[in-house]
Structure formats: structure tokens, C-alpha cells
N, C-alpha and C. Protein backbone atom coordinates (compact mmCIF):
# COMPACT_ATOMS: atom_id res chain seq x y z
N UNK A 1 -49.57 -25.56 -68.97
CA UNK A 1 -49.69 -24.47 -69.92
C UNK A 1 -51.14 -24.01 -69.91
N UNK A 2 -51.31 -22.74 -69.99
CA UNK A 2 -52.64 -22.15 -69.87
C UNK A 2 -52.85 -21.16 -71.01
N UNK A 3 -54.05 -21.19 -71.60
CA UNK A 3 -54.37 -20.25 -72.67
C UNK A 3 -55.76 -19.67 -72.45
N UNK A 4 -55.84 -18.37 -72.54
CA UNK A 4 -57.12 -17.68 -72.58
C UNK A 4 -57.38 -17.45 -74.06
N UNK A 5 -58.45 -18.07 -74.57
CA UNK A 5 -58.71 -18.10 -76.00
C UNK A 5 -59.99 -17.33 -76.30
N UNK A 6 -59.90 -16.42 -77.25
CA UNK A 6 -61.08 -15.66 -77.66
C UNK A 6 -61.29 -15.83 -79.16
N UNK A 7 -62.52 -16.16 -79.51
CA UNK A 7 -62.89 -16.19 -80.93
C UNK A 7 -63.10 -14.74 -81.34
N UNK A 8 -62.43 -14.32 -82.41
CA UNK A 8 -62.46 -12.92 -82.81
C UNK A 8 -62.81 -12.76 -84.28
N UNK A 9 -63.35 -11.59 -84.60
CA UNK A 9 -63.52 -11.24 -86.01
C UNK A 9 -62.26 -10.54 -86.52
N UNK A 10 -61.52 -9.92 -85.58
CA UNK A 10 -60.21 -9.35 -85.90
C UNK A 10 -59.49 -9.03 -84.60
N UNK A 11 -58.16 -8.99 -84.68
CA UNK A 11 -57.35 -8.64 -83.52
C UNK A 11 -55.99 -8.16 -84.00
N UNK A 12 -55.37 -7.30 -83.19
CA UNK A 12 -54.03 -6.85 -83.52
C UNK A 12 -53.27 -6.48 -82.25
N UNK A 13 -51.95 -6.56 -82.36
CA UNK A 13 -51.06 -6.23 -81.26
C UNK A 13 -50.12 -5.13 -81.73
N UNK A 14 -49.99 -4.09 -80.90
CA UNK A 14 -49.03 -3.03 -81.20
C UNK A 14 -48.07 -2.89 -80.03
N UNK A 15 -46.91 -2.36 -80.34
CA UNK A 15 -45.92 -2.01 -79.30
C UNK A 15 -45.57 -0.55 -79.50
N UNK A 16 -45.18 0.08 -78.41
CA UNK A 16 -44.83 1.50 -78.47
C UNK A 16 -43.65 1.71 -79.41
N UNK A 17 -43.70 2.78 -80.14
CA UNK A 17 -42.60 3.12 -81.05
C UNK A 17 -41.38 3.52 -80.23
N UNK A 18 -40.21 3.22 -80.75
CA UNK A 18 -38.97 3.55 -80.05
C UNK A 18 -38.32 4.79 -80.62
N UNK A 19 -39.01 5.47 -81.56
CA UNK A 19 -38.44 6.64 -82.22
C UNK A 19 -38.59 7.93 -81.42
N UNK A 20 -39.21 7.87 -80.27
CA UNK A 20 -39.35 9.06 -79.45
C UNK A 20 -40.78 9.53 -79.34
N UNK A 21 -40.99 10.63 -78.63
CA UNK A 21 -42.35 11.16 -78.41
C UNK A 21 -43.04 11.48 -79.74
N UNK A 22 -44.31 11.15 -79.79
CA UNK A 22 -45.10 11.44 -80.97
C UNK A 22 -45.04 10.37 -82.05
N UNK A 23 -44.13 9.42 -81.92
CA UNK A 23 -44.02 8.35 -82.92
C UNK A 23 -45.21 7.40 -82.76
N UNK A 24 -45.66 6.86 -83.87
CA UNK A 24 -46.80 5.95 -83.84
C UNK A 24 -46.40 4.56 -83.39
N UNK A 25 -47.34 3.86 -82.75
CA UNK A 25 -47.10 2.49 -82.32
C UNK A 25 -46.93 1.61 -83.55
N UNK A 26 -46.13 0.55 -83.38
CA UNK A 26 -45.88 -0.40 -84.46
C UNK A 26 -46.79 -1.61 -84.31
N UNK A 27 -47.52 -1.96 -85.37
CA UNK A 27 -48.32 -3.19 -85.36
C UNK A 27 -47.37 -4.35 -85.61
N UNK A 28 -47.32 -5.29 -84.65
CA UNK A 28 -46.41 -6.43 -84.78
C UNK A 28 -47.15 -7.70 -85.18
N UNK A 29 -48.46 -7.74 -85.01
CA UNK A 29 -49.25 -8.90 -85.40
C UNK A 29 -50.70 -8.52 -85.56
N UNK A 30 -51.34 -9.07 -86.60
CA UNK A 30 -52.76 -8.78 -86.82
C UNK A 30 -53.40 -9.95 -87.56
N UNK A 31 -54.66 -10.21 -87.24
CA UNK A 31 -55.41 -11.27 -87.91
C UNK A 31 -56.83 -10.80 -88.20
N UNK A 32 -57.48 -11.53 -89.11
CA UNK A 32 -58.91 -11.40 -89.34
C UNK A 32 -59.62 -12.43 -88.49
N UNK A 33 -60.69 -13.03 -88.98
CA UNK A 33 -61.43 -14.01 -88.19
C UNK A 33 -60.55 -15.18 -87.75
N UNK A 34 -60.71 -15.56 -86.48
CA UNK A 34 -59.93 -16.68 -85.96
C UNK A 34 -59.88 -16.66 -84.45
N UNK A 35 -58.70 -17.02 -83.91
CA UNK A 35 -58.52 -17.10 -82.46
C UNK A 35 -57.40 -16.18 -81.99
N UNK A 36 -57.68 -15.45 -80.92
CA UNK A 36 -56.67 -14.72 -80.19
C UNK A 36 -56.31 -15.61 -79.01
N UNK A 37 -55.04 -16.00 -78.91
CA UNK A 37 -54.59 -16.92 -77.88
C UNK A 37 -53.58 -16.22 -76.97
N UNK A 38 -54.02 -15.90 -75.75
CA UNK A 38 -53.11 -15.40 -74.73
C UNK A 38 -52.55 -16.65 -74.05
N UNK A 39 -51.24 -16.81 -74.03
CA UNK A 39 -50.65 -18.04 -73.52
C UNK A 39 -49.72 -17.78 -72.35
N UNK A 40 -49.90 -18.59 -71.31
CA UNK A 40 -49.04 -18.53 -70.14
C UNK A 40 -48.31 -19.84 -69.96
N UNK A 41 -47.05 -19.75 -69.53
CA UNK A 41 -46.21 -20.93 -69.35
C UNK A 41 -45.81 -21.01 -67.88
N UNK A 42 -45.89 -22.22 -67.31
CA UNK A 42 -45.44 -22.45 -65.95
C UNK A 42 -44.20 -23.33 -65.96
N UNK A 43 -43.62 -23.57 -64.80
CA UNK A 43 -42.31 -24.22 -64.67
C UNK A 43 -42.26 -25.64 -65.24
N UNK A 44 -43.34 -26.37 -65.19
CA UNK A 44 -43.33 -27.76 -65.66
C UNK A 44 -43.65 -27.88 -67.15
N UNK A 45 -43.88 -26.79 -67.84
CA UNK A 45 -44.24 -26.84 -69.26
C UNK A 45 -43.02 -26.95 -70.15
N UNK A 46 -43.23 -27.63 -71.28
CA UNK A 46 -42.17 -27.79 -72.27
C UNK A 46 -42.77 -27.90 -73.66
N UNK A 47 -41.95 -28.36 -74.58
CA UNK A 47 -42.34 -28.46 -75.99
C UNK A 47 -43.57 -29.36 -76.17
N UNK A 48 -43.64 -30.46 -75.43
CA UNK A 48 -44.77 -31.38 -75.57
C UNK A 48 -46.09 -30.71 -75.20
N UNK A 49 -46.11 -29.93 -74.14
CA UNK A 49 -47.34 -29.21 -73.76
C UNK A 49 -47.72 -28.20 -74.84
N UNK A 50 -46.73 -27.54 -75.42
CA UNK A 50 -47.00 -26.58 -76.49
C UNK A 50 -47.63 -27.27 -77.69
N UNK A 51 -47.09 -28.42 -78.07
CA UNK A 51 -47.63 -29.15 -79.21
C UNK A 51 -49.07 -29.63 -78.92
N UNK A 52 -49.29 -30.09 -77.71
CA UNK A 52 -50.63 -30.56 -77.32
C UNK A 52 -51.63 -29.41 -77.35
N UNK A 53 -51.24 -28.26 -76.81
CA UNK A 53 -52.14 -27.11 -76.78
C UNK A 53 -52.47 -26.64 -78.20
N UNK A 54 -51.47 -26.52 -79.05
CA UNK A 54 -51.72 -26.07 -80.43
C UNK A 54 -52.68 -27.02 -81.14
N UNK A 55 -52.46 -28.31 -80.99
CA UNK A 55 -53.32 -29.31 -81.65
C UNK A 55 -54.75 -29.21 -81.12
N UNK A 56 -54.88 -29.06 -79.80
CA UNK A 56 -56.22 -28.93 -79.21
C UNK A 56 -56.95 -27.70 -79.74
N UNK A 57 -56.26 -26.56 -79.77
CA UNK A 57 -56.90 -25.33 -80.24
C UNK A 57 -57.20 -25.38 -81.73
N UNK A 58 -56.36 -26.02 -82.51
CA UNK A 58 -56.56 -26.17 -83.96
C UNK A 58 -57.82 -26.97 -84.25
N UNK A 59 -58.14 -27.93 -83.37
CA UNK A 59 -59.27 -28.83 -83.62
C UNK A 59 -60.48 -28.55 -82.71
N UNK A 60 -60.38 -27.58 -81.81
CA UNK A 60 -61.48 -27.25 -80.91
C UNK A 60 -62.66 -26.70 -81.71
N UNK A 61 -63.81 -27.30 -81.52
CA UNK A 61 -64.99 -26.94 -82.32
C UNK A 61 -65.78 -25.80 -81.66
N UNK A 62 -65.37 -24.57 -82.02
CA UNK A 62 -66.04 -23.39 -81.45
C UNK A 62 -66.43 -22.37 -82.53
N UNK A 63 -66.40 -22.81 -83.79
CA UNK A 63 -66.82 -21.94 -84.89
C UNK A 63 -68.14 -22.47 -85.44
N UNK A 64 -68.96 -21.55 -85.94
CA UNK A 64 -70.30 -21.90 -86.40
C UNK A 64 -70.25 -22.73 -87.69
N UNK A 65 -71.13 -23.72 -87.74
CA UNK A 65 -71.34 -24.47 -88.98
C UNK A 65 -72.46 -23.78 -89.77
N UNK A 66 -72.90 -24.39 -90.85
CA UNK A 66 -73.93 -23.76 -91.69
C UNK A 66 -75.28 -23.60 -90.99
N UNK A 67 -75.49 -24.33 -89.89
CA UNK A 67 -76.74 -24.20 -89.14
C UNK A 67 -76.58 -23.30 -87.91
N UNK A 68 -75.39 -22.75 -87.70
CA UNK A 68 -75.16 -21.85 -86.59
C UNK A 68 -74.67 -22.51 -85.31
N UNK A 69 -74.55 -23.84 -85.32
CA UNK A 69 -74.04 -24.53 -84.13
C UNK A 69 -72.52 -24.49 -84.08
N UNK A 70 -71.96 -24.56 -82.89
CA UNK A 70 -70.49 -24.57 -82.75
C UNK A 70 -69.98 -25.97 -83.04
N UNK A 71 -69.79 -26.26 -84.32
CA UNK A 71 -69.36 -27.59 -84.74
C UNK A 71 -68.15 -27.57 -85.65
N UNK A 72 -67.58 -26.42 -85.90
CA UNK A 72 -66.41 -26.34 -86.78
C UNK A 72 -65.18 -25.90 -85.99
N UNK A 73 -64.06 -26.43 -86.40
CA UNK A 73 -62.79 -26.09 -85.77
C UNK A 73 -62.10 -24.96 -86.54
N UNK A 74 -61.04 -24.47 -85.99
CA UNK A 74 -60.21 -23.49 -86.68
C UNK A 74 -59.68 -24.10 -87.98
N UNK A 75 -59.29 -25.37 -87.92
CA UNK A 75 -58.79 -26.06 -89.10
C UNK A 75 -59.85 -26.07 -90.21
N UNK A 76 -61.10 -26.34 -89.85
CA UNK A 76 -62.18 -26.41 -90.83
C UNK A 76 -62.64 -25.04 -91.30
N UNK A 77 -62.51 -24.03 -90.44
CA UNK A 77 -63.03 -22.71 -90.79
C UNK A 77 -62.02 -21.86 -91.57
N UNK A 78 -60.76 -22.26 -91.53
CA UNK A 78 -59.73 -21.49 -92.23
C UNK A 78 -59.35 -20.21 -91.53
N UNK A 79 -59.65 -20.11 -90.24
CA UNK A 79 -59.33 -18.91 -89.50
C UNK A 79 -57.85 -18.77 -89.19
N UNK A 80 -57.51 -17.62 -88.65
CA UNK A 80 -56.13 -17.29 -88.32
C UNK A 80 -55.93 -17.35 -86.80
N UNK A 81 -54.66 -17.28 -86.38
CA UNK A 81 -54.33 -17.33 -84.96
C UNK A 81 -53.38 -16.17 -84.63
N UNK A 82 -53.68 -15.47 -83.54
CA UNK A 82 -52.77 -14.46 -83.00
C UNK A 82 -52.35 -14.95 -81.62
N UNK A 83 -51.05 -15.24 -81.46
CA UNK A 83 -50.51 -15.76 -80.20
C UNK A 83 -49.81 -14.62 -79.46
N UNK A 84 -50.23 -14.40 -78.21
CA UNK A 84 -49.65 -13.35 -77.37
C UNK A 84 -49.23 -13.97 -76.05
N UNK A 85 -47.93 -13.95 -75.78
CA UNK A 85 -47.42 -14.46 -74.51
C UNK A 85 -47.88 -13.56 -73.37
N UNK A 86 -48.36 -14.20 -72.29
CA UNK A 86 -48.88 -13.41 -71.17
C UNK A 86 -48.62 -14.13 -69.85
N UNK A 87 -47.51 -13.80 -69.21
CA UNK A 87 -47.14 -14.46 -67.95
C UNK A 87 -48.16 -14.22 -66.86
N UNK A 88 -48.95 -13.16 -66.96
CA UNK A 88 -49.92 -12.84 -65.92
C UNK A 88 -51.04 -13.86 -65.81
N UNK A 89 -51.17 -14.77 -66.78
CA UNK A 89 -52.17 -15.83 -66.66
C UNK A 89 -51.86 -16.76 -65.49
N UNK A 90 -50.61 -16.74 -65.02
CA UNK A 90 -50.25 -17.53 -63.84
C UNK A 90 -50.14 -16.67 -62.59
N UNK A 91 -50.77 -15.51 -62.59
CA UNK A 91 -50.81 -14.68 -61.40
C UNK A 91 -51.69 -15.31 -60.33
N UNK A 92 -51.20 -15.36 -59.12
CA UNK A 92 -51.94 -15.92 -58.00
C UNK A 92 -52.49 -14.78 -57.16
N UNK A 93 -53.83 -14.78 -56.95
CA UNK A 93 -54.48 -13.66 -56.25
C UNK A 93 -55.29 -14.09 -55.04
N UNK A 94 -55.13 -15.33 -54.59
CA UNK A 94 -55.93 -15.80 -53.45
C UNK A 94 -55.58 -15.09 -52.15
N UNK A 95 -54.32 -14.75 -51.98
CA UNK A 95 -53.89 -14.11 -50.74
C UNK A 95 -53.42 -12.69 -51.03
N UNK A 96 -53.81 -11.78 -50.20
CA UNK A 96 -53.33 -10.41 -50.31
C UNK A 96 -53.91 -9.65 -51.50
N UNK A 97 -53.32 -8.50 -51.75
CA UNK A 97 -53.80 -7.61 -52.80
C UNK A 97 -52.81 -7.45 -53.94
N UNK A 98 -51.66 -8.08 -53.84
CA UNK A 98 -50.66 -7.99 -54.89
C UNK A 98 -50.48 -9.40 -55.48
N UNK A 99 -50.71 -9.56 -56.79
CA UNK A 99 -50.55 -10.89 -57.38
C UNK A 99 -49.12 -11.41 -57.24
N UNK A 100 -49.02 -12.71 -57.07
CA UNK A 100 -47.72 -13.38 -57.07
C UNK A 100 -47.51 -13.99 -58.44
N UNK A 101 -46.31 -13.83 -58.99
CA UNK A 101 -45.98 -14.39 -60.31
C UNK A 101 -45.11 -15.63 -60.18
N UNK A 102 -45.04 -16.22 -58.99
CA UNK A 102 -44.14 -17.35 -58.72
C UNK A 102 -44.43 -18.55 -59.62
N UNK A 103 -45.66 -18.75 -60.04
CA UNK A 103 -46.00 -19.91 -60.87
C UNK A 103 -45.66 -19.71 -62.34
N UNK A 104 -45.39 -18.49 -62.74
CA UNK A 104 -45.05 -18.20 -64.14
C UNK A 104 -43.59 -18.57 -64.41
N UNK A 105 -43.36 -19.21 -65.56
CA UNK A 105 -41.99 -19.56 -65.94
C UNK A 105 -41.19 -18.30 -66.24
N UNK A 106 -39.89 -18.37 -65.99
CA UNK A 106 -38.99 -17.27 -66.33
C UNK A 106 -38.92 -17.13 -67.85
N UNK A 107 -38.61 -15.96 -68.36
CA UNK A 107 -38.58 -15.74 -69.81
C UNK A 107 -37.69 -16.73 -70.57
N UNK A 108 -36.53 -17.09 -70.01
CA UNK A 108 -35.64 -18.01 -70.72
C UNK A 108 -36.23 -19.41 -70.87
N UNK A 109 -37.16 -19.79 -69.98
CA UNK A 109 -37.86 -21.07 -70.13
C UNK A 109 -39.12 -20.90 -70.97
N UNK A 110 -39.84 -19.80 -70.80
CA UNK A 110 -41.13 -19.61 -71.47
C UNK A 110 -40.99 -19.36 -72.97
N UNK A 111 -39.99 -18.59 -73.37
CA UNK A 111 -39.87 -18.21 -74.78
C UNK A 111 -39.81 -19.42 -75.73
N UNK A 112 -38.96 -20.44 -75.48
CA UNK A 112 -38.94 -21.57 -76.41
C UNK A 112 -40.25 -22.36 -76.43
N UNK A 113 -40.99 -22.34 -75.33
CA UNK A 113 -42.28 -23.03 -75.28
C UNK A 113 -43.30 -22.29 -76.13
N UNK A 114 -43.33 -20.97 -76.01
CA UNK A 114 -44.24 -20.16 -76.84
C UNK A 114 -43.85 -20.31 -78.31
N UNK A 115 -42.55 -20.29 -78.60
CA UNK A 115 -42.09 -20.49 -79.99
C UNK A 115 -42.54 -21.84 -80.53
N UNK A 116 -42.51 -22.88 -79.69
CA UNK A 116 -42.95 -24.21 -80.12
C UNK A 116 -44.45 -24.23 -80.40
N UNK A 117 -45.22 -23.48 -79.63
CA UNK A 117 -46.66 -23.37 -79.88
C UNK A 117 -46.90 -22.76 -81.26
N UNK A 118 -46.21 -21.67 -81.55
CA UNK A 118 -46.35 -20.99 -82.85
C UNK A 118 -45.91 -21.91 -83.98
N UNK A 119 -44.79 -22.58 -83.82
CA UNK A 119 -44.28 -23.49 -84.84
C UNK A 119 -45.27 -24.62 -85.11
N UNK A 120 -45.86 -25.17 -84.05
CA UNK A 120 -46.82 -26.26 -84.22
C UNK A 120 -48.06 -25.78 -84.96
N UNK A 121 -48.57 -24.61 -84.60
CA UNK A 121 -49.72 -24.06 -85.34
C UNK A 121 -49.38 -23.97 -86.83
N UNK A 122 -48.20 -23.49 -87.15
CA UNK A 122 -47.80 -23.36 -88.56
C UNK A 122 -47.68 -24.72 -89.23
N UNK A 123 -47.13 -25.68 -88.54
CA UNK A 123 -47.02 -27.04 -89.10
C UNK A 123 -48.39 -27.64 -89.37
N UNK A 124 -49.37 -27.28 -88.55
CA UNK A 124 -50.74 -27.77 -88.74
C UNK A 124 -51.44 -27.08 -89.90
N UNK A 125 -50.89 -25.95 -90.35
CA UNK A 125 -51.47 -25.24 -91.49
C UNK A 125 -52.08 -23.90 -91.18
N UNK A 126 -51.93 -23.44 -89.96
CA UNK A 126 -52.53 -22.17 -89.56
C UNK A 126 -51.68 -20.99 -90.05
N UNK A 127 -52.36 -19.89 -90.38
CA UNK A 127 -51.69 -18.61 -90.58
C UNK A 127 -51.60 -17.99 -89.21
N UNK A 128 -50.37 -17.72 -88.75
CA UNK A 128 -50.14 -17.29 -87.38
C UNK A 128 -49.46 -15.93 -87.35
N UNK A 129 -49.98 -15.06 -86.51
CA UNK A 129 -49.32 -13.79 -86.18
C UNK A 129 -49.00 -13.84 -84.70
N UNK A 130 -48.05 -13.02 -84.26
CA UNK A 130 -47.66 -13.05 -82.86
C UNK A 130 -47.49 -11.64 -82.32
N UNK A 131 -47.48 -11.58 -81.00
CA UNK A 131 -47.06 -10.37 -80.33
C UNK A 131 -45.54 -10.38 -80.30
N UNK A 132 -44.96 -9.53 -79.49
CA UNK A 132 -43.50 -9.49 -79.33
C UNK A 132 -43.19 -9.94 -77.89
N UNK A 133 -42.55 -11.09 -77.78
CA UNK A 133 -42.27 -11.68 -76.47
C UNK A 133 -41.55 -10.67 -75.57
N UNK A 134 -42.09 -10.50 -74.36
CA UNK A 134 -41.47 -9.64 -73.37
C UNK A 134 -41.74 -8.15 -73.52
N UNK A 135 -42.41 -7.76 -74.59
CA UNK A 135 -42.67 -6.34 -74.83
C UNK A 135 -43.91 -5.89 -74.07
N UNK A 136 -44.01 -4.59 -73.86
CA UNK A 136 -45.22 -3.98 -73.34
C UNK A 136 -46.13 -3.78 -74.54
N UNK A 137 -47.18 -4.59 -74.64
CA UNK A 137 -48.03 -4.62 -75.83
C UNK A 137 -49.42 -4.06 -75.55
N UNK A 138 -50.05 -3.56 -76.60
CA UNK A 138 -51.46 -3.21 -76.58
C UNK A 138 -52.18 -4.16 -77.52
N UNK A 139 -53.25 -4.75 -77.03
CA UNK A 139 -54.00 -5.73 -77.82
C UNK A 139 -55.40 -5.17 -78.06
N UNK A 140 -55.77 -5.12 -79.33
CA UNK A 140 -57.12 -4.70 -79.71
C UNK A 140 -57.81 -5.90 -80.32
N UNK A 141 -59.09 -6.09 -79.98
CA UNK A 141 -59.81 -7.24 -80.52
C UNK A 141 -61.30 -6.97 -80.59
N UNK A 142 -61.94 -7.69 -81.48
CA UNK A 142 -63.40 -7.73 -81.52
C UNK A 142 -63.77 -9.18 -81.26
N UNK A 143 -64.28 -9.43 -80.04
CA UNK A 143 -64.65 -10.78 -79.63
C UNK A 143 -65.92 -11.17 -80.37
N UNK A 144 -65.90 -12.34 -80.99
CA UNK A 144 -67.02 -12.85 -81.79
C UNK A 144 -67.85 -13.78 -80.93
N UNK A 145 -69.06 -13.40 -80.64
CA UNK A 145 -69.97 -14.27 -79.89
C UNK A 145 -70.64 -13.58 -78.72
N UNK A 146 -69.97 -13.24 -77.67
CA UNK A 146 -68.55 -13.45 -77.38
C UNK A 146 -68.29 -14.91 -77.00
N UNK A 147 -67.15 -15.41 -77.44
CA UNK A 147 -66.67 -16.74 -77.06
C UNK A 147 -65.28 -16.56 -76.45
N UNK A 148 -65.17 -16.92 -75.18
CA UNK A 148 -63.90 -16.85 -74.45
C UNK A 148 -63.78 -18.12 -73.60
N UNK A 149 -62.64 -18.82 -73.73
CA UNK A 149 -62.41 -20.06 -73.00
C UNK A 149 -61.05 -20.06 -72.35
N UNK A 150 -60.95 -20.70 -71.18
CA UNK A 150 -59.66 -20.97 -70.56
C UNK A 150 -59.35 -22.43 -70.88
N UNK A 151 -58.21 -22.67 -71.49
CA UNK A 151 -57.81 -24.02 -71.89
C UNK A 151 -56.48 -24.33 -71.22
N UNK A 152 -56.42 -25.47 -70.54
CA UNK A 152 -55.17 -25.88 -69.88
C UNK A 152 -54.78 -27.27 -70.32
N UNK A 153 -53.47 -27.46 -70.50
CA UNK A 153 -52.94 -28.80 -70.83
C UNK A 153 -51.80 -29.11 -69.89
């Protein structure tokens, strides 16, 4: 399981409106200060990897303490989480000019794993917003720091 994690001051996900031309996009998830987590699932991933990743991100010390050092976790800072499924994190680009998606799990395997990640964050006490699985989404964010990490479990 792979996550591209960004510390943000705010982030939101919208999807195109289905009401026809001129309709406004629908905001499906939004957060204030916290973590934007783009998550990719591969074939060997399951519920256990999702639980491990959520716990790691909940306790990862990348938020400023009172002295400005990165010594506080999401749990300690009270921040929020926006989880956005992104199969392209498993895109392979070493050969040729067209990415291969062979390492990305199929939607029927990936969806329950992403759902388990969200559920685990909530069980840990996080306020969680999400994108819409499988939708064509637009993500807006203000990266804080900037702090961006690739986390794999």
C-alpha cells in the first residue's frame, strides 16, 4: 500500500456535476488543517495493510510543536484527514512513454481496502473526509510547509 501524504492547511475534493452543462461541481470532501492522503492499493494489499497505514499516519510526527520542530502527530495536533483513492500511484514509468497500471489493484479489490483505511482513521479518533471512489475528481489544497511524504507499508 502506498500513500502520498501532504500536510495541508486546507484541502477539498470536487466532482463534476451530473445536472448538465453549466452545473457547479459538487464538493464531496473538505478539511481544514491536517493531512491529505492520496492512497494507492496493489494486488497484495488487504485490510491489515490499511490498518497499519492508518495507524502510522495517525502517529507520524510531522506537525510543529510549540518550538516549531516536527514533533507532533496528527493525533496530538487534532488535525483532519482527507483520503483520496488514486490508482495512479502504482503507475510504472520506467519503460516507454505510457504508464502501465498493472501493479494497481482492480477497483473491486481496492475499494474495501480504502474503506478499511477510512474506518481505521475514524476508530483512532480522526475526523475524516473522502473523495468519491472511482470518480473523476478535482483536488484543491494548500500544502503546509511544504511537507510531502511517500509512505509505504
